[in-house]
Every structure is written in C-alpha cells, then in structure tokens.
Protein backbone atom coordinates (compact mmCIF):
# COMPACT_ATOMS: atom_id res chain seq x y z
CA MET A 1 9.10 37.11 77.30
CA GLN A 2 7.13 40.15 76.24
CA LYS A 3 7.41 43.72 77.38
CA LYS A 4 4.42 44.96 79.30
CA ILE A 5 2.93 48.30 78.30
CA LEU A 6 2.16 50.02 81.56
CA ASP A 7 -0.36 52.82 81.86
CA ALA A 8 1.47 54.56 84.69
CA GLY A 9 5.16 55.26 84.58
CA GLY A 10 5.83 53.56 81.25
CA PRO A 11 7.29 55.39 78.29
CA ALA A 12 4.82 57.24 76.13
CA PHE A 13 6.83 56.43 73.00
CA TYR A 14 8.81 53.41 71.83
CA SER A 15 11.63 53.22 69.33
CA LEU A 16 10.97 51.32 66.12
CA ALA A 17 13.19 48.47 67.34
CA ASP A 18 11.30 48.25 70.65
CA ALA A 19 7.97 48.36 68.82
CA GLY A 20 9.06 45.46 66.63
CA TRP A 21 10.13 43.50 69.67
CA ILE A 22 6.82 44.16 71.45
CA LEU A 23 4.80 43.23 68.37
CA GLY A 24 6.96 40.18 67.69
CA VAL A 25 7.98 41.22 64.19
CA ASP A 26 11.21 42.13 62.46
CA LEU A 27 12.37 45.75 62.36
CA ASN A 28 11.89 45.75 58.59
CA GLU A 29 8.20 44.91 59.07
CA VAL A 30 7.81 47.90 61.40
CA HIS A 31 9.44 50.19 58.83
CA ARG A 32 7.14 48.82 56.13
CA ALA A 33 4.03 49.26 58.31
CA VAL A 34 4.98 52.88 59.00
CA ARG A 35 5.69 53.53 55.32
CA VAL A 36 2.33 52.17 54.10
CA GLY A 37 0.39 53.83 56.94
CA ALA A 38 -0.64 50.73 58.89
CA LEU A 39 1.32 51.93 61.95
CA ARG A 40 1.50 55.58 62.97
CA ALA A 41 4.88 57.04 63.85
CA VAL A 42 5.73 60.53 65.09
CA ARG A 43 8.96 62.53 65.21
CA ARG A 44 10.44 63.22 68.63
CA ARG A 45 13.80 64.98 68.70
CA SER A 46 14.36 64.08 65.04
CA ARG A 47 13.73 60.35 65.66
CA LEU A 48 10.77 58.32 64.51
CA VAL A 49 8.99 56.73 67.46
CA ILE A 50 5.75 54.82 67.92
CA PRO A 51 3.25 56.12 70.51
CA ALA A 52 2.26 53.61 73.20
CA ALA A 53 -1.42 54.10 72.27
CA GLU A 54 -0.63 53.04 68.70
CA LEU A 55 1.04 49.86 69.96
CA ARG A 56 -2.00 49.12 72.11
CA ARG A 57 -4.19 49.55 69.01
CA ALA A 58 -2.00 47.21 66.99
CA LEU A 59 -1.94 44.58 69.75
CA ASN A 60 -5.74 44.70 70.05
CA GLY A 61 -6.31 43.74 66.44
CA GLY A 62 -5.53 46.97 64.66
CA ALA A 63 -9.06 48.34 64.42
CA ARG A 64 -9.23 52.12 64.41
C-alpha cells in the first residue's frame, strides 16, 4: 500500500521517515539523498522535512 500525495488537504511537508516510506526506500537512503543533494530538504521548526513537490519530482523520475 502506498500513501497518496493529495493536492488539496494533504500535508505540504513530509518527515524523512514518511518520505522514505512513500518512495519505497530505507530511511538511510533518504538521509544519503539529502546529504548529496539529490533530494531537497528544508527546515521547519528545527526539523528536516521534504516538501511534497520534491516528492512528486522524485516519483516522476527525478528530472528537474
């Protein structure tokens, strides 16, 4: 079962664990992708989170 990213009413940001679950990869892979710049993360209330738009980009092949 996969989480659906909704345009209306869905969260604008996902935790790194949620992003890994949505992408189907381990949390360590998400951390590595953020560290090398393949996945953009932003700070919200001192936590690193992944914007929903960035997840959409990654799910659509990763082209910028």
